[in-house]
PDB file of N, CA and C in Angstrom:
ATOM      1  N   ASP A   1      12.980  -0.556 -16.477  1.00  0.00           N
ATOM      2  CA  ASP A   1      13.448   0.121 -17.674  1.00  0.00           C
ATOM      3  C   ASP A   1      12.261   0.831 -18.335  1.00  0.00           C
ATOM      4  N   ASN A   2      12.560   1.735 -19.212  1.00  0.00           N
ATOM      5  CA  ASN A   2      11.523   2.493 -19.908  1.00  0.00           C
ATOM      6  C   ASN A   2      10.921   1.628 -21.019  1.00  0.00           C
ATOM      7  N   PRO A   3       9.616   1.312 -20.953  1.00  0.00           N
ATOM      8  CA  PRO A   3       9.009   0.457 -21.976  1.00  0.00           C
ATOM      9  C   PRO A   3       8.946   1.115 -23.358  1.00  0.00           C
ATOM     10  N   LYS A   4       9.098   2.443 -23.428  1.00  0.00           N
ATOM     11  CA  LYS A   4       9.126   3.119 -24.723  1.00  0.00           C
ATOM     12  C   LYS A   4      10.442   2.862 -25.438  1.00  0.00           C
ATOM     13  N   VAL A   5      11.469   2.497 -24.667  1.00  0.00           N
ATOM     14  CA  VAL A   5      12.792   2.255 -25.227  1.00  0.00           C
ATOM     15  C   VAL A   5      13.115   0.764 -25.247  1.00  0.00           C
ATOM     16  N   ASN A   6      12.686   0.057 -24.198  1.00  0.00           N
ATOM     17  CA  ASN A   6      12.990  -1.356 -24.058  1.00  0.00           C
ATOM     18  C   ASN A   6      11.697  -2.171 -24.048  1.00  0.00           C
ATOM     19  N   PRO A   7      11.420  -2.912 -25.122  1.00  0.00           N
ATOM     20  CA  PRO A   7      10.189  -3.699 -25.181  1.00  0.00           C
ATOM     21  C   PRO A   7      10.148  -4.825 -24.147  1.00  0.00           C
ATOM     22  N   ASN A   8      11.296  -5.150 -23.549  1.00  0.00           N
ATOM     23  CA  ASN A   8      11.349  -6.199 -22.529  1.00  0.00           C
ATOM     24  C   ASN A   8      11.201  -5.642 -21.114  1.00  0.00           C
ATOM     25  N   ALA A   9      10.955  -4.356 -20.987  1.00  0.00           N
ATOM     26  CA  ALA A   9      10.796  -3.737 -19.671  1.00  0.00           C
ATOM     27  C   ALA A   9       9.600  -4.355 -18.960  1.00  0.00           C
ATOM     28  N   LYS A  10       9.722  -4.481 -17.648  1.00  0.00           N
ATOM     29  CA  LYS A  10       8.652  -5.092 -16.853  1.00  0.00           C
ATOM     30  C   LYS A  10       8.128  -4.084 -15.837  1.00  0.00           C
ATOM     31  N   LEU A  11       6.823  -4.072 -15.654  1.00  0.00           N
ATOM     32  CA  LEU A  11       6.169  -3.220 -14.688  1.00  0.00           C
ATOM     33  C   LEU A  11       6.442  -3.727 -13.276  1.00  0.00           C
ATOM     34  N   ILE A  12       6.765  -2.821 -12.386  1.00  0.00           N
ATOM     35  CA  ILE A  12       6.860  -3.145 -10.964  1.00  0.00           C
ATOM     36  C   ILE A  12       5.539  -2.691 -10.358  1.00  0.00           C
ATOM     37  N   SER A  13       4.703  -3.638  -9.978  1.00  0.00           N
ATOM     38  CA  SER A  13       3.353  -3.316  -9.505  1.00  0.00           C
ATOM     39  C   SER A  13       3.327  -2.748  -8.092  1.00  0.00           C
ATOM     40  N   ASP A  14       4.230  -3.237  -7.234  1.00  0.00           N
ATOM     41  CA  ASP A  14       4.237  -2.811  -5.839  1.00  0.00           C
ATOM     42  C   ASP A  14       5.650  -2.474  -5.395  1.00  0.00           C
ATOM     43  N   ILE A  15       5.766  -1.380  -4.656  1.00  0.00           N
ATOM     44  CA  ILE A  15       7.038  -1.001  -4.049  1.00  0.00           C
ATOM     45  C   ILE A  15       6.786  -0.816  -2.555  1.00  0.00           C
ATOM     46  N   TYR A  16       7.569  -1.530  -1.755  1.00  0.00           N
ATOM     47  CA  TYR A  16       7.463  -1.418  -0.305  1.00  0.00           C
ATOM     48  C   TYR A  16       8.601  -0.586   0.275  1.00  0.00           C
ATOM     49  N   GLU A  17       9.709  -0.520  -0.451  1.00  0.00           N
ATOM     50  CA  GLU A  17      10.858   0.249   0.005  1.00  0.00           C
ATOM     51  C   GLU A  17      11.531   0.896  -1.208  1.00  0.00           C
ATOM     52  N   ILE A  18      11.829   2.169  -1.103  1.00  0.00           N
ATOM     53  CA  ILE A  18      12.519   2.880  -2.177  1.00  0.00           C
ATOM     54  C   ILE A  18      14.004   2.887  -1.826  1.00  0.00           C
ATOM     55  N   THR A  19      14.741   2.040  -2.505  1.00  0.00           N
ATOM     56  CA  THR A  19      16.160   1.868  -2.215  1.00  0.00           C
ATOM     57  C   THR A  19      17.007   2.654  -3.209  1.00  0.00           C
ATOM     58  N   ASP A  20      18.291   2.803  -2.879  1.00  0.00           N
ATOM     59  CA  ASP A  20      19.214   3.452  -3.807  1.00  0.00           C
ATOM     60  C   ASP A  20      19.305   2.655  -5.107  1.00  0.00           C
ATOM     61  N   GLU A  21      19.264   1.329  -5.005  1.00  0.00           N
ATOM     62  CA  GLU A  21      19.313   0.476  -6.202  1.00  0.00           C
ATOM     63  C   GLU A  21      18.112   0.746  -7.109  1.00  0.00           C
ATOM     64  N   LEU A  22      16.939   0.882  -6.512  1.00  0.00           N
ATOM     65  CA  LEU A  22      15.732   1.175  -7.292  1.00  0.00           C
ATOM     66  C   LEU A  22      15.854   2.534  -7.967  1.00  0.00           C
ATOM     67  N   LYS A  23      16.373   3.518  -7.239  1.00  0.00           N
ATOM     68  CA  LYS A  23      16.560   4.859  -7.814  1.00  0.00           C
ATOM     69  C   LYS A  23      17.542   4.817  -8.979  1.00  0.00           C
ATOM     70  N   GLU A  24      18.602   4.013  -8.857  1.00  0.00           N
ATOM     71  CA  GLU A  24      19.565   3.871  -9.960  1.00  0.00           C
ATOM     72  C   GLU A  24      18.890   3.304 -11.198  1.00  0.00           C
ATOM     73  N   LYS A  25      18.047   2.309 -10.998  1.00  0.00           N
ATOM     74  CA  LYS A  25      17.342   1.677 -12.119  1.00  0.00           C
ATOM     75  C   LYS A  25      16.323   2.621 -12.757  1.00  0.00           C
ATOM     76  N   ALA A  26      15.881   3.624 -11.980  1.00  0.00           N
ATOM     77  CA  ALA A  26      14.843   4.542 -12.474  1.00  0.00           C
ATOM     78  C   ALA A  26      15.340   5.428 -13.601  1.00  0.00           C
ATOM     79  N   GLY A  27      16.636   5.619 -13.700  1.00  0.00           N
ATOM     80  CA  GLY A  27      17.189   6.337 -14.841  1.00  0.00           C
ATOM     81  C   GLY A  27      17.199   7.839 -14.702  1.00  0.00           C
ATOM     82  N   GLY A  28      17.167   8.502 -15.859  1.00  0.00           N
ATOM     83  CA  GLY A  28      17.396   9.940 -15.959  1.00  0.00           C
ATOM     84  C   GLY A  28      16.187  10.807 -15.705  1.00  0.00           C
ATOM     85  N   ALA A  29      16.279  12.030 -16.199  1.00  0.00           N
ATOM     86  CA  ALA A  29      15.325  13.085 -15.843  1.00  0.00           C
ATOM     87  C   ALA A  29      14.035  13.076 -16.640  1.00  0.00           C
ATOM     88  N   GLY A  30      13.937  12.353 -17.721  1.00  0.00           N
ATOM     89  CA  GLY A  30      12.674  12.301 -18.459  1.00  0.00           C
ATOM     90  C   GLY A  30      12.713  13.060 -19.765  1.00  0.00           C
ATOM     91  N   SER A  31      11.566  13.608 -20.151  1.00  0.00           N
ATOM     92  CA  SER A  31      11.419  14.202 -21.474  1.00  0.00           C
ATOM     93  C   SER A  31      11.788  15.677 -21.500  1.00  0.00           C
ATOM     94  N   LYS A  32      11.900  16.214 -22.719  1.00  0.00           N
ATOM     95  CA  LYS A  32      12.171  17.639 -22.913  1.00  0.00           C
ATOM     96  C   LYS A  32      10.992  18.498 -22.472  1.00  0.00           C
ATOM     97  N   GLN A  33       9.801  17.903 -22.382  1.00  0.00           N
ATOM     98  CA  GLN A  33       8.613  18.657 -21.992  1.00  0.00           C
ATOM     99  C   GLN A  33       8.560  18.884 -20.487  1.00  0.00           C
ATOM    100  N   GLY A  34       9.536  18.393 -19.757  1.00  0.00           N
ATOM    101  CA  GLY A  34       9.597  18.634 -18.321  1.00  0.00           C
ATOM    102  C   GLY A  34       8.692  17.743 -17.508  1.00  0.00           C
ATOM    103  N   THR A  35       8.312  16.594 -18.054  1.00  0.00           N
ATOM    104  CA  THR A  35       7.434  15.692 -17.319  1.00  0.00           C
ATOM    105  C   THR A  35       8.185  14.923 -16.250  1.00  0.00           C
ATOM    106  N   GLY A  36       9.499  15.078 -16.214  1.00  0.00           N
ATOM    107  CA  GLY A  36      10.283  14.345 -15.225  1.00  0.00           C
ATOM    108  C   GLY A  36      10.415  12.901 -15.626  1.00  0.00           C
ATOM    109  N   GLY A  37      11.300  12.235 -15.011  1.00  0.00           N
ATOM    110  CA  GLY A  37      11.477  10.816 -15.277  1.00  0.00           C
ATOM    111  C   GLY A  37      10.990  10.012 -14.090  1.00  0.00           C
ATOM    112  N   MET A  38      11.242   8.727 -14.137  1.00  0.00           N
ATOM    113  CA  MET A  38      10.808   7.861 -13.055  1.00  0.00           C
ATOM    114  C   MET A  38      11.507   8.227 -11.745  1.00  0.00           C
ATOM    115  N   ILE A  39      12.754   8.667 -11.796  1.00  0.00           N
ATOM    116  CA  ILE A  39      13.460   9.037 -10.572  1.00  0.00           C
ATOM    117  C   ILE A  39      12.733  10.180  -9.866  1.00  0.00           C
ATOM    118  N   THR A  40      12.254  11.151 -10.608  1.00  0.00           N
ATOM    119  CA  THR A  40      11.510  12.268 -10.026  1.00  0.00           C
ATOM    120  C   THR A  40      10.241  11.782  -9.342  1.00  0.00           C
ATOM    121  N   LYS A  41       9.559  10.854  -9.979  1.00  0.00           N
ATOM    122  CA  LYS A  41       8.331  10.304  -9.409  1.00  0.00           C
ATOM    123  C   LYS A  41       8.633   9.495  -8.150  1.00  0.00           C
ATOM    124  N   LEU A  42       9.732   8.745  -8.161  1.00  0.00           N
ATOM    125  CA  LEU A  42      10.109   7.967  -6.978  1.00  0.00           C
ATOM    126  C   LEU A  42      10.467   8.871  -5.801  1.00  0.00           C
ATOM    127  N   ILE A  43      11.141   9.962  -6.082  1.00  0.00           N
ATOM    128  CA  ILE A  43      11.492  10.901  -5.016  1.00  0.00           C
ATOM    129  C   ILE A  43      10.217  11.508  -4.416  1.00  0.00           C
ATOM    130  N   ALA A  44       9.263  11.858  -5.247  1.00  0.00           N
ATOM    131  CA  ALA A  44       7.987  12.385  -4.748  1.00  0.00           C
ATOM    132  C   ALA A  44       7.259  11.329  -3.917  1.00  0.00           C
ATOM    133  N   ALA A  45       7.262  10.089  -4.381  1.00  0.00           N
ATOM    134  CA  ALA A  45       6.617   8.999  -3.640  1.00  0.00           C
ATOM    135  C   ALA A  45       7.332   8.752  -2.311  1.00  0.00           C
ATOM    136  N   GLU A  46       8.637   8.913  -2.311  1.00  0.00           N
ATOM    137  CA  GLU A  46       9.421   8.729  -1.091  1.00  0.00           C
ATOM    138  C   GLU A  46       9.047   9.794  -0.050  1.00  0.00           C
ATOM    139  N   ILE A  47       8.858  11.022  -0.492  1.00  0.00           N
ATOM    140  CA  ILE A  47       8.444  12.102   0.404  1.00  0.00           C
ATOM    141  C   ILE A  47       7.064  11.783   0.995  1.00  0.00           C
ATOM    142  N   ALA A  48       6.146  11.333   0.153  1.00  0.00           N
ATOM    143  CA  ALA A  48       4.808  10.969   0.631  1.00  0.00           C
ATOM    144  C   ALA A  48       4.887   9.792   1.604  1.00  0.00           C
ATOM    145  N   LYS A  49       5.737   8.830   1.291  1.00  0.00           N
ATOM    146  CA  LYS A  49       5.900   7.626   2.119  1.00  0.00           C
ATOM    147  C   LYS A  49       6.360   7.985   3.527  1.00  0.00           C
ATOM    148  N   GLU A  50       7.201   9.001   3.655  1.00  0.00           N
ATOM    149  CA  GLU A  50       7.689   9.434   4.967  1.00  0.00           C
ATOM    150  C   GLU A  50       6.545   9.883   5.871  1.00  0.00           C
ATOM    151  N   ASP A  51       5.445  10.336   5.277  1.00  0.00           N
ATOM    152  CA  ASP A  51       4.262  10.741   6.040  1.00  0.00           C
ATOM    153  C   ASP A  51       3.151   9.696   5.974  1.00  0.00           C
ATOM    154  N   ALA A  52       3.526   8.447   5.666  1.00  0.00           N
ATOM    155  CA  ALA A  52       2.590   7.317   5.611  1.00  0.00           C
ATOM    156  C   ALA A  52       1.478   7.524   4.587  1.00  0.00           C
ATOM    157  N   ILE A  53       1.825   8.137   3.454  1.00  0.00           N
ATOM    158  CA  ILE A  53       0.865   8.367   2.373  1.00  0.00           C
ATOM    159  C   ILE A  53       1.179   7.418   1.222  1.00  0.00           C
ATOM    160  N   SER A  54       0.177   6.681   0.780  1.00  0.00           N
ATOM    161  CA  SER A  54       0.325   5.793  -0.375  1.00  0.00           C
ATOM    162  C   SER A  54       0.401   6.619  -1.648  1.00  0.00           C
ATOM    163  N   THR A  55       1.076   6.077  -2.650  1.00  0.00           N
ATOM    164  CA  THR A  55       1.215   6.751  -3.937  1.00  0.00           C
ATOM    165  C   THR A  55       1.012   5.747  -5.056  1.00  0.00           C
ATOM    166  N   VAL A  56       0.401   6.184  -6.132  1.00  0.00           N
ATOM    167  CA  VAL A  56       0.331   5.377  -7.352  1.00  0.00           C
ATOM    168  C   VAL A  56       1.020   6.164  -8.454  1.00  0.00           C
ATOM    169  N   ILE A  57       1.975   5.514  -9.102  1.00  0.00           N
ATOM    170  CA  ILE A  57       2.650   6.107 -10.256  1.00  0.00           C
ATOM    171  C   ILE A  57       2.022   5.460 -11.487  1.00  0.00           C
ATOM    172  N   ALA A  58       1.343   6.272 -12.286  1.00  0.00           N
ATOM    173  CA  ALA A  58       0.643   5.751 -13.461  1.00  0.00           C
ATOM    174  C   ALA A  58       0.663   6.802 -14.562  1.00  0.00           C
ATOM    175  N   GLN A  59       0.362   6.372 -15.769  1.00  0.00           N
ATOM    176  CA  GLN A  59       0.292   7.308 -16.891  1.00  0.00           C
ATOM    177  C   GLN A  59      -0.816   8.312 -16.645  1.00  0.00           C
ATOM    178  N   GLY A  60      -0.550   9.572 -16.953  1.00  0.00           N
ATOM    179  CA  GLY A  60      -1.525  10.612 -16.696  1.00  0.00           C
ATOM    180  C   GLY A  60      -2.214  11.137 -17.934  1.00  0.00           C
ATOM    181  N   ASP A  61      -2.062  10.447 -19.057  1.00  0.00           N
ATOM    182  CA  ASP A  61      -2.663  10.946 -20.295  1.00  0.00           C
ATOM    183  C   ASP A  61      -4.164  10.668 -20.384  1.00  0.00           C
ATOM    184  N   ASP A  62      -4.682   9.832 -19.489  1.00  0.00           N
ATOM    185  CA  ASP A  62      -6.115   9.538 -19.458  1.00  0.00           C
ATOM    186  C   ASP A  62      -6.692  10.106 -18.159  1.00  0.00           C
ATOM    187  N   PRO A  63      -7.478  11.177 -18.231  1.00  0.00           N
ATOM    188  CA  PRO A  63      -8.004  11.781 -17.007  1.00  0.00           C
ATOM    189  C   PRO A  63      -8.923  10.851 -16.213  1.00  0.00           C
ATOM    190  N   GLU A  64      -9.436   9.814 -16.844  1.00  0.00           N
ATOM    191  CA  GLU A  64     -10.323   8.865 -16.167  1.00  0.00           C
ATOM    192  C   GLU A  64      -9.545   7.817 -15.369  1.00  0.00           C
ATOM    193  N   ILE A  65      -8.226   7.795 -15.513  1.00  0.00           N
ATOM    194  CA  ILE A  65      -7.427   6.745 -14.878  1.00  0.00           C
ATOM    195  C   ILE A  65      -7.553   6.778 -13.360  1.00  0.00           C
ATOM    196  N   ILE A  66      -7.730   7.950 -12.792  1.00  0.00           N
ATOM    197  CA  ILE A  66      -7.861   8.067 -11.335  1.00  0.00           C
ATOM    198  C   ILE A  66      -9.062   7.269 -10.830  1.00  0.00           C
ATOM    199  N   TYR A  67     -10.161   7.269 -11.587  1.00  0.00           N
ATOM    200  CA  TYR A  67     -11.341   6.503 -11.187  1.00  0.00           C
ATOM    201  C   TYR A  67     -11.056   5.008 -11.215  1.00  0.00           C
ATOM    202  N   ARG A  68     -10.302   4.579 -12.205  1.00  0.00           N
ATOM    203  CA  ARG A  68      -9.956   3.164 -12.317  1.00  0.00           C
ATOM    204  C   ARG A  68      -9.059   2.743 -11.161  1.00  0.00           C
ATOM    205  N   ILE A  69      -8.151   3.617 -10.768  1.00  0.00           N
ATOM    206  CA  ILE A  69      -7.270   3.326  -9.628  1.00  0.00           C
ATOM    207  C   ILE A  69      -8.090   3.251  -8.340  1.00  0.00           C
ATOM    208  N   ILE A  70      -8.984   4.223  -8.135  1.00  0.00           N
ATOM    209  CA  ILE A  70      -9.829   4.239  -6.938  1.00  0.00           C
ATOM    210  C   ILE A  70     -10.718   3.005  -6.883  1.00  0.00           C
ATOM    211  N   ASP A  71     -11.156   2.521  -8.038  1.00  0.00           N
ATOM    212  CA  ASP A  71     -11.990   1.316  -8.097  1.00  0.00           C
ATOM    213  C   ASP A  71     -11.186   0.036  -7.839  1.00  0.00           C
ATOM    214  N   GLY A  72      -9.876   0.167  -7.664  1.00  0.00           N
ATOM    215  CA  GLY A  72      -9.060  -0.987  -7.314  1.00  0.00           C
ATOM    216  C   GLY A  72      -8.377  -1.676  -8.478  1.00  0.00           C
ATOM    217  N   GLU A  73      -8.513  -1.117  -9.658  1.00  0.00           N
ATOM    218  CA  GLU A  73      -7.843  -1.716 -10.812  1.00  0.00           C
ATOM    219  C   GLU A  73      -6.333  -1.564 -10.644  1.00  0.00           C
ATOM    220  N   GLU A  74      -5.602  -2.628 -10.916  1.00  0.00           N
ATOM    221  CA  GLU A  74      -4.150  -2.578 -10.787  1.00  0.00           C
ATOM    222  C   GLU A  74      -3.556  -1.872 -11.994  1.00  0.00           C
ATOM    223  N   ILE A  75      -3.219  -0.618 -11.778  1.00  0.00           N
ATOM    224  CA  ILE A  75      -2.651   0.216 -12.843  1.00  0.00           C
ATOM    225  C   ILE A  75      -1.391   0.854 -12.293  1.00  0.00           C
ATOM    226  N   GLY A  76      -0.332   0.795 -13.047  1.00  0.00           N
ATOM    227  CA  GLY A  76       0.894   1.452 -12.636  1.00  0.00           C
ATOM    228  C   GLY A  76       1.565   0.790 -11.453  1.00  0.00           C
ATOM    229  N   THR A  77       2.240   1.601 -10.655  1.00  0.00           N
ATOM    230  CA  THR A  77       3.012   1.114  -9.517  1.00  0.00           C
ATOM    231  C   THR A  77       2.449   1.715  -8.236  1.00  0.00           C
ATOM    232  N   PHE A  78       2.096   0.840  -7.301  1.00  0.00           N
ATOM    233  CA  PHE A  78       1.586   1.266  -6.000  1.00  0.00           C
ATOM    234  C   PHE A  78       2.755   1.313  -5.038  1.00  0.00           C
ATOM    235  N   VAL A  79       3.011   2.494  -4.464  1.00  0.00           N
ATOM    236  CA  VAL A  79       4.077   2.650  -3.478  1.00  0.00           C
ATOM    237  C   VAL A  79       3.414   2.641  -2.107  1.00  0.00           C
ATOM    238  N   HIS A  80       3.703   1.602  -1.345  1.00  0.00           N
ATOM    239  CA  HIS A  80       3.097   1.421  -0.033  1.00  0.00           C
ATOM    240  C   HIS A  80       3.710   2.390   0.981  1.00  0.00           C
ATOM    241  N   PRO A  81       2.884   2.872   1.917  1.00  0.00           N
ATOM    242  CA  PRO A  81       3.408   3.798   2.934  1.00  0.00           C
ATOM    243  C   PRO A  81       4.319   3.088   3.943  1.00  0.00           C
TER     244      PRO A  81
END
């Protein structure tokens, strides 16, 4: 669930399979600013997964976050290839 709307939402740290059930839980299209919603991100991760590419879905408001991810910090959701 969206933690901005539901304070009880829980982070999914690892995804090994992108199922229809997971896509249903991902919800709608996102914000008016066109940032897309979680479903859009899952579809992109699914495309990468088909080519054995790992994906991390994380907040992009901090440009330094990529370094933290590369350093192995558990941030966001890791989609396994």
